[in-house]
Amino acid sequence: KKKKYDLFLVLKNIKKNKLLNNLSTLNDEKKRLDFVRKTLNEMLDQNFINSSNEISGSDLKVRASYAQNLINKIEVSRNRATHVLGEINNNLAEIGKIEKQKEKILEKKKINKILEEKLLDLKNDNYFRPKNSISL
């Protein structure tokens, strides 16, 4: 038979495992976003480097549009990276809270075990006598 605190520990372990899985996913996404941002910045730099001395108006317009598009994508990537970092920090804080809760549960479990042992010792020492018994 499972005790209340054993079940609490199981639930906390399950919650912690879910948070660790989410943390792993978020870290993978952060790496992808860093790669995307780096690639977009390289593409933006190449757009400016490849310009020759003589550029037609339509070429200039296309390059400006392309650069603006890249800048927008970089901004979206940066915003998403900020959001992912916030989620990572929240997950780390939750994992810390769960660890503290697990420590408290283990303390309660230890205290209850000591109390149960004392009660069992008292019962074994016949400290508790039935009310109807006759003492001689």
N, C-alpha and C. Protein backbone atom coordinates (compact mmCIF):
# COMPACT_ATOMS: atom_id res chain seq x y z
N LYS A 1 0.85 -1.18 0.00
CA LYS A 1 0.00 0.00 0.00
C LYS A 1 0.89 1.24 0.00
N LYS A 2 0.60 2.14 -0.92
CA LYS A 2 1.38 3.37 -1.03
C LYS A 2 0.88 4.38 0.00
N LYS A 3 1.82 5.04 0.60
CA LYS A 3 1.49 6.10 1.54
C LYS A 3 1.33 7.42 0.80
N LYS A 4 0.74 8.38 1.47
CA LYS A 4 0.47 9.68 0.87
C LYS A 4 1.76 10.35 0.38
N TYR A 5 2.79 10.35 1.19
CA TYR A 5 4.01 11.05 0.82
C TYR A 5 4.77 10.32 -0.30
N ASP A 6 4.63 9.00 -0.37
CA ASP A 6 5.23 8.27 -1.49
C ASP A 6 4.58 8.69 -2.80
N LEU A 7 3.26 8.84 -2.76
CA LEU A 7 2.54 9.29 -3.97
C LEU A 7 2.94 10.71 -4.36
N PHE A 8 3.10 11.57 -3.34
CA PHE A 8 3.55 12.93 -3.64
C PHE A 8 4.91 12.92 -4.32
N LEU A 9 5.82 12.07 -3.83
CA LEU A 9 7.15 11.99 -4.44
C LEU A 9 7.07 11.52 -5.89
N VAL A 10 6.20 10.55 -6.14
CA VAL A 10 6.04 10.05 -7.51
C VAL A 10 5.52 11.17 -8.41
N LEU A 11 4.52 11.90 -7.93
CA LEU A 11 3.97 13.01 -8.71
C LEU A 11 5.01 14.09 -8.98
N LYS A 12 5.81 14.41 -7.97
CA LYS A 12 6.85 15.42 -8.16
C LYS A 12 7.91 14.94 -9.15
N ASN A 13 8.25 13.65 -9.10
CA ASN A 13 9.22 13.11 -10.07
C ASN A 13 8.68 13.17 -11.49
N ILE A 14 7.40 12.87 -11.65
CA ILE A 14 6.77 12.94 -12.98
C ILE A 14 6.79 14.37 -13.50
N LYS A 15 6.42 15.31 -12.63
CA LYS A 15 6.40 16.72 -13.03
C LYS A 15 7.80 17.20 -13.39
N LYS A 16 8.79 16.78 -12.59
CA LYS A 16 10.17 17.17 -12.86
C LYS A 16 10.64 16.60 -14.20
N ASN A 17 10.30 15.34 -14.48
CA ASN A 17 10.69 14.73 -15.75
C ASN A 17 10.07 15.47 -16.94
N LYS A 18 8.81 15.87 -16.80
CA LYS A 18 8.17 16.64 -17.87
C LYS A 18 8.89 17.96 -18.10
N LEU A 19 9.24 18.64 -17.00
CA LEU A 19 9.95 19.91 -17.12
C LEU A 19 11.33 19.72 -17.74
N LEU A 20 12.00 18.63 -17.39
CA LEU A 20 13.32 18.37 -17.97
C LEU A 20 13.21 18.08 -19.46
N ASN A 21 12.16 17.37 -19.86
CA ASN A 21 11.94 17.13 -21.29
C ASN A 21 11.66 18.45 -22.02
N ASN A 22 10.83 19.29 -21.43
CA ASN A 22 10.55 20.60 -22.02
C ASN A 22 11.82 21.44 -22.10
N LEU A 23 12.64 21.36 -21.06
CA LEU A 23 13.89 22.12 -21.04
C LEU A 23 14.81 21.66 -22.17
N SER A 24 14.85 20.36 -22.39
CA SER A 24 15.68 19.83 -23.48
C SER A 24 15.17 20.34 -24.83
N THR A 25 13.87 20.31 -25.02
CA THR A 25 13.28 20.80 -26.27
C THR A 25 13.57 22.28 -26.46
N LEU A 26 13.44 23.05 -25.39
CA LEU A 26 13.69 24.49 -25.48
C LEU A 26 15.17 24.78 -25.79
N ASN A 27 16.06 24.00 -25.21
CA ASN A 27 17.48 24.19 -25.52
C ASN A 27 17.79 23.88 -26.98
N ASP A 28 17.15 22.83 -27.51
CA ASP A 28 17.31 22.51 -28.93
C ASP A 28 16.79 23.65 -29.80
N GLU A 29 15.64 24.19 -29.43
CA GLU A 29 15.07 25.29 -30.19
C GLU A 29 15.96 26.53 -30.12
N LYS A 30 16.55 26.76 -28.95
CA LYS A 30 17.46 27.90 -28.79
C LYS A 30 18.67 27.75 -29.71
N LYS A 31 19.20 26.55 -29.81
CA LYS A 31 20.34 26.31 -30.70
C LYS A 31 19.95 26.56 -32.16
N ARG A 32 18.76 26.09 -32.55
CA ARG A 32 18.29 26.32 -33.92
C ARG A 32 18.11 27.80 -34.20
N LEU A 33 17.54 28.52 -33.25
CA LEU A 33 17.34 29.96 -33.43
C LEU A 33 18.67 30.70 -33.54
N ASP A 34 19.66 30.29 -32.76
CA ASP A 34 20.98 30.91 -32.86
C ASP A 34 21.59 30.65 -34.24
N PHE A 35 21.42 29.42 -34.73
CA PHE A 35 21.93 29.08 -36.06
C PHE A 35 21.22 29.90 -37.14
N VAL A 36 19.91 30.01 -37.03
CA VAL A 36 19.12 30.77 -38.01
C VAL A 36 19.54 32.24 -37.99
N ARG A 37 19.68 32.81 -36.79
CA ARG A 37 20.06 34.21 -36.69
C ARG A 37 21.46 34.43 -37.28
N LYS A 38 22.37 33.52 -36.99
CA LYS A 38 23.73 33.63 -37.54
C LYS A 38 23.70 33.57 -39.07
N THR A 39 22.93 32.61 -39.61
CA THR A 39 22.82 32.46 -41.06
C THR A 39 22.21 33.71 -41.71
N LEU A 40 21.16 34.23 -41.11
CA LEU A 40 20.51 35.43 -41.65
C LEU A 40 21.46 36.63 -41.62
N ASN A 41 22.22 36.76 -40.54
CA ASN A 41 23.19 37.87 -40.47
C ASN A 41 24.26 37.72 -41.56
N GLU A 42 24.71 36.49 -41.80
CA GLU A 42 25.69 36.26 -42.88
C GLU A 42 25.10 36.62 -44.24
N MET A 43 23.84 36.24 -44.45
CA MET A 43 23.18 36.56 -45.72
C MET A 43 23.05 38.07 -45.88
N LEU A 44 22.73 38.76 -44.80
CA LEU A 44 22.61 40.21 -44.85
C LEU A 44 23.96 40.86 -45.17
N ASP A 45 25.01 40.36 -44.54
CA ASP A 45 26.35 40.89 -44.82
C ASP A 45 26.74 40.64 -46.27
N GLN A 46 26.44 39.46 -46.80
CA GLN A 46 26.77 39.14 -48.19
C GLN A 46 25.99 40.04 -49.15
N ASN A 47 24.79 40.40 -48.79
CA ASN A 47 23.98 41.27 -49.63
C ASN A 47 24.67 42.62 -49.81
N PHE A 48 25.29 43.13 -48.76
CA PHE A 48 25.95 44.42 -48.85
C PHE A 48 27.34 44.31 -49.48
N ILE A 49 28.02 43.17 -49.28
CA ILE A 49 29.37 43.01 -49.80
C ILE A 49 29.37 42.81 -51.32
N ASN A 50 28.40 42.10 -51.85
CA ASN A 50 28.38 41.76 -53.27
C ASN A 50 27.99 42.93 -54.19
N SER A 51 27.85 44.09 -53.64
CA SER A 51 27.44 45.22 -54.50
C SER A 51 28.64 45.72 -55.30
N SER A 52 28.41 45.90 -56.57
CA SER A 52 29.46 46.45 -57.43
C SER A 52 29.32 47.97 -57.47
N ASN A 53 30.22 48.63 -58.16
CA ASN A 53 30.20 50.10 -58.19
C ASN A 53 28.97 50.65 -58.90
N GLU A 54 28.58 50.00 -59.97
CA GLU A 54 27.43 50.48 -60.73
C GLU A 54 26.23 49.56 -60.51
N ILE A 55 25.17 50.13 -59.94
CA ILE A 55 23.97 49.36 -59.65
C ILE A 55 22.79 50.11 -60.26
N SER A 56 21.94 49.36 -60.93
CA SER A 56 20.76 50.00 -61.50
C SER A 56 19.73 50.25 -60.40
N GLY A 57 18.76 51.08 -60.70
CA GLY A 57 17.72 51.42 -59.72
C GLY A 57 16.91 50.21 -59.30
N SER A 58 16.59 49.35 -60.26
CA SER A 58 15.79 48.17 -59.93
C SER A 58 16.61 47.20 -59.07
N ASP A 59 17.92 47.07 -59.36
CA ASP A 59 18.78 46.21 -58.54
C ASP A 59 18.85 46.74 -57.11
N LEU A 60 18.98 48.02 -56.97
CA LEU A 60 19.06 48.65 -55.66
C LEU A 60 17.75 48.43 -54.89
N LYS A 61 16.64 48.55 -55.58
CA LYS A 61 15.33 48.35 -54.96
C LYS A 61 15.17 46.90 -54.51
N VAL A 62 15.59 45.95 -55.35
CA VAL A 62 15.48 44.53 -55.00
C VAL A 62 16.37 44.21 -53.80
N ARG A 63 17.59 44.74 -53.81
CA ARG A 63 18.51 44.48 -52.69
C ARG A 63 17.99 45.11 -51.39
N ALA A 64 17.43 46.28 -51.48
CA ALA A 64 16.88 46.93 -50.30
C ALA A 64 15.71 46.14 -49.74
N SER A 65 14.85 45.66 -50.64
CA SER A 65 13.71 44.84 -50.22
C SER A 65 14.19 43.54 -49.57
N TYR A 66 15.19 42.92 -50.18
CA TYR A 66 15.77 41.68 -49.66
C TYR A 66 16.39 41.93 -48.27
N ALA A 67 17.12 43.02 -48.14
CA ALA A 67 17.74 43.35 -46.85
C ALA A 67 16.68 43.62 -45.79
N GLN A 68 15.62 44.32 -46.16
CA GLN A 68 14.54 44.59 -45.20
C GLN A 68 13.86 43.30 -44.76
N ASN A 69 13.66 42.39 -45.70
CA ASN A 69 13.07 41.09 -45.38
C ASN A 69 13.97 40.33 -44.41
N LEU A 70 15.26 40.33 -44.66
CA LEU A 70 16.20 39.64 -43.76
C LEU A 70 16.21 40.28 -42.38
N ILE A 71 16.16 41.60 -42.33
CA ILE A 71 16.15 42.30 -41.04
C ILE A 71 14.89 41.95 -40.25
N ASN A 72 13.76 41.87 -40.93
CA ASN A 72 12.51 41.47 -40.25
C ASN A 72 12.62 40.05 -39.70
N LYS A 73 13.19 39.14 -40.49
CA LYS A 73 13.34 37.76 -40.03
C LYS A 73 14.31 37.67 -38.86
N ILE A 74 15.36 38.48 -38.88
CA ILE A 74 16.31 38.51 -37.76
C ILE A 74 15.61 39.00 -36.50
N GLU A 75 14.77 40.01 -36.64
CA GLU A 75 14.04 40.55 -35.49
C GLU A 75 13.07 39.51 -34.92
N VAL A 76 12.37 38.80 -35.79
CA VAL A 76 11.46 37.74 -35.34
C VAL A 76 12.25 36.66 -34.62
N SER A 77 13.38 36.30 -35.18
CA SER A 77 14.24 35.28 -34.56
C SER A 77 14.73 35.74 -33.19
N ARG A 78 15.11 37.01 -33.09
CA ARG A 78 15.59 37.55 -31.81
C ARG A 78 14.47 37.55 -30.77
N ASN A 79 13.26 37.94 -31.19
CA ASN A 79 12.12 37.94 -30.26
C ASN A 79 11.79 36.53 -29.78
N ARG A 80 11.83 35.60 -30.71
CA ARG A 80 11.55 34.21 -30.34
C ARG A 80 12.63 33.68 -29.39
N ALA A 81 13.88 34.04 -29.63
CA ALA A 81 14.97 33.60 -28.75
C ALA A 81 14.79 34.16 -27.35
N THR A 82 14.35 35.41 -27.26
CA THR A 82 14.08 36.02 -25.95
C THR A 82 12.96 35.28 -25.23
N HIS A 83 11.92 34.95 -25.99
CA HIS A 83 10.80 34.20 -25.41
C HIS A 83 11.25 32.82 -24.92
N VAL A 84 12.07 32.14 -25.72
CA VAL A 84 12.56 30.80 -25.35
C VAL A 84 13.43 30.89 -24.09
N LEU A 85 14.28 31.92 -24.01
CA LEU A 85 15.10 32.09 -22.81
C LEU A 85 14.23 32.30 -21.57
N GLY A 86 13.16 33.06 -21.72
CA GLY A 86 12.22 33.24 -20.61
C GLY A 86 11.59 31.93 -20.19
N GLU A 87 11.19 31.11 -21.15
CA GLU A 87 10.61 29.81 -20.84
C GLU A 87 11.63 28.90 -20.16
N ILE A 88 12.88 28.95 -20.62
CA ILE A 88 13.94 28.14 -20.00
C ILE A 88 14.13 28.55 -18.54
N ASN A 89 14.17 29.85 -18.30
CA ASN A 89 14.32 30.34 -16.93
C ASN A 89 13.14 29.93 -16.05
N ASN A 90 11.92 29.99 -16.61
CA ASN A 90 10.75 29.56 -15.85
C ASN A 90 10.83 28.07 -15.52
N ASN A 91 11.26 27.26 -16.49
CA ASN A 91 11.39 25.82 -16.24
C ASN A 91 12.43 25.55 -15.16
N LEU A 92 13.55 26.26 -15.21
CA LEU A 92 14.58 26.07 -14.20
C LEU A 92 14.07 26.47 -12.81
N ALA A 93 13.30 27.55 -12.75
CA ALA A 93 12.72 27.97 -11.47
C ALA A 93 11.74 26.92 -10.96
N GLU A 94 10.91 26.37 -11.85
CA GLU A 94 9.95 25.33 -11.45
C GLU A 94 10.68 24.07 -10.96
N ILE A 95 11.76 23.71 -11.63
CA ILE A 95 12.53 22.53 -11.21
C ILE A 95 13.10 22.78 -9.81
N GLY A 96 13.58 23.99 -9.56
CA GLY A 96 14.07 24.33 -8.23
C GLY A 96 12.99 24.23 -7.17
N LYS A 97 11.79 24.72 -7.51
CA LYS A 97 10.66 24.62 -6.57
C LYS A 97 10.31 23.17 -6.29
N ILE A 98 10.32 22.36 -7.33
CA ILE A 98 9.98 20.94 -7.15
C ILE A 98 11.01 20.26 -6.26
N GLU A 99 12.29 20.60 -6.43
CA GLU A 99 13.33 20.01 -5.59
C GLU A 99 13.11 20.39 -4.13
N LYS A 100 12.75 21.65 -3.86
CA LYS A 100 12.47 22.07 -2.49
C LYS A 100 11.26 21.33 -1.93
N GLN A 101 10.22 21.17 -2.77
CA GLN A 101 9.03 20.44 -2.33
C GLN A 101 9.36 18.99 -2.03
N LYS A 102 10.22 18.39 -2.85
CA LYS A 102 10.62 17.00 -2.62
C LYS A 102 11.38 16.87 -1.30
N GLU A 103 12.24 17.85 -1.00
CA GLU A 103 12.97 17.84 0.27
C GLU A 103 11.99 17.90 1.45
N LYS A 104 10.99 18.78 1.35
CA LYS A 104 10.00 18.89 2.43
C LYS A 104 9.21 17.60 2.57
N ILE A 105 8.86 16.99 1.45
CA ILE A 105 8.10 15.73 1.49
C ILE A 105 8.94 14.65 2.16
N LEU A 106 10.22 14.58 1.82
CA LEU A 106 11.10 13.58 2.44
C LEU A 106 11.25 13.82 3.93
N GLU A 107 11.32 15.09 4.34
CA GLU A 107 11.38 15.41 5.77
C GLU A 107 10.11 14.94 6.47
N LYS A 108 8.96 15.25 5.89
CA LYS A 108 7.67 14.83 6.47
C LYS A 108 7.61 13.30 6.56
N LYS A 109 8.08 12.66 5.50
CA LYS A 109 8.06 11.20 5.46
C LYS A 109 8.94 10.63 6.57
N LYS A 110 10.10 11.24 6.78
CA LYS A 110 11.01 10.78 7.83
C LYS A 110 10.40 10.99 9.21
N ILE A 111 9.77 12.15 9.40
CA ILE A 111 9.13 12.44 10.69
C ILE A 111 7.99 11.46 10.95
N ASN A 112 7.17 11.19 9.93
CA ASN A 112 6.07 10.24 10.10
C ASN A 112 6.59 8.85 10.41
N LYS A 113 7.69 8.45 9.79
CA LYS A 113 8.26 7.13 10.04
C LYS A 113 8.74 7.03 11.50
N ILE A 114 9.39 8.10 11.98
CA ILE A 114 9.84 8.11 13.37
C ILE A 114 8.65 8.02 14.32
N LEU A 115 7.59 8.78 14.04
CA LEU A 115 6.39 8.73 14.88
C LEU A 115 5.75 7.35 14.86
N GLU A 116 5.69 6.73 13.69
CA GLU A 116 5.11 5.39 13.59
C GLU A 116 5.94 4.39 14.38
N GLU A 117 7.26 4.52 14.30
CA GLU A 117 8.13 3.61 15.06
C GLU A 117 7.94 3.80 16.56
N LYS A 118 7.83 5.04 17.02
CA LYS A 118 7.60 5.30 18.45
C LYS A 118 6.27 4.72 18.89
N LEU A 119 5.25 4.90 18.06
CA LEU A 119 3.94 4.37 18.39
C LEU A 119 3.97 2.85 18.45
N LEU A 120 4.67 2.24 17.52
CA LEU A 120 4.79 0.78 17.50
C LEU A 120 5.55 0.31 18.74
N ASP A 121 6.60 1.03 19.13
CA ASP A 121 7.35 0.68 20.34
C ASP A 121 6.46 0.77 21.56
N LEU A 122 5.66 1.83 21.64
CA LEU A 122 4.75 1.99 22.77
C LEU A 122 3.71 0.87 22.82
N LYS A 123 3.23 0.47 21.65
CA LYS A 123 2.27 -0.63 21.60
C LYS A 123 2.92 -1.94 22.03
N ASN A 124 4.16 -2.13 21.58
CA ASN A 124 4.87 -3.36 21.94
C ASN A 124 5.20 -3.39 23.43
N ASP A 125 5.40 -2.24 24.04
CA ASP A 125 5.68 -2.17 25.48
C ASP A 125 4.40 -2.22 26.30
N ASN A 126 3.28 -2.43 25.66
CA ASN A 126 1.96 -2.49 26.31
C ASN A 126 1.65 -1.21 27.06
N TYR A 127 2.07 -0.12 26.53
CA TYR A 127 1.77 1.16 27.14
C TYR A 127 0.29 1.47 27.01
N PHE A 128 -0.27 1.10 25.87
CA PHE A 128 -1.71 1.30 25.66
C PHE A 128 -2.43 0.06 26.16
N ARG A 129 -3.24 0.22 27.17
CA ARG A 129 -4.01 -0.91 27.71
C ARG A 129 -5.46 -0.73 27.31
N PRO A 130 -6.11 -1.79 27.02
CA PRO A 130 -7.54 -1.68 26.71
C PRO A 130 -8.30 -1.12 27.90
N LYS A 131 -9.35 -0.40 27.67
CA LYS A 131 -10.14 0.23 28.73
C LYS A 131 -10.84 -0.81 29.60
N ASN A 132 -11.19 -1.91 29.03
CA ASN A 132 -11.97 -2.92 29.75
C ASN A 132 -11.09 -3.91 30.49
N SER A 133 -9.81 -3.77 30.41
CA SER A 133 -8.96 -4.75 31.06
C SER A 133 -8.88 -4.47 32.56
N ILE A 134 -8.70 -5.51 33.29
CA ILE A 134 -8.60 -5.41 34.75
C ILE A 134 -7.13 -5.53 35.11
N SER A 135 -6.64 -4.55 35.79
CA SER A 135 -5.23 -4.62 36.20
C SER A 135 -5.16 -5.17 37.61
N LEU A 136 -4.26 -6.04 37.86
CA LEU A 136 -4.14 -6.65 39.18
C LEU A 136 -3.00 -6.11 39.95
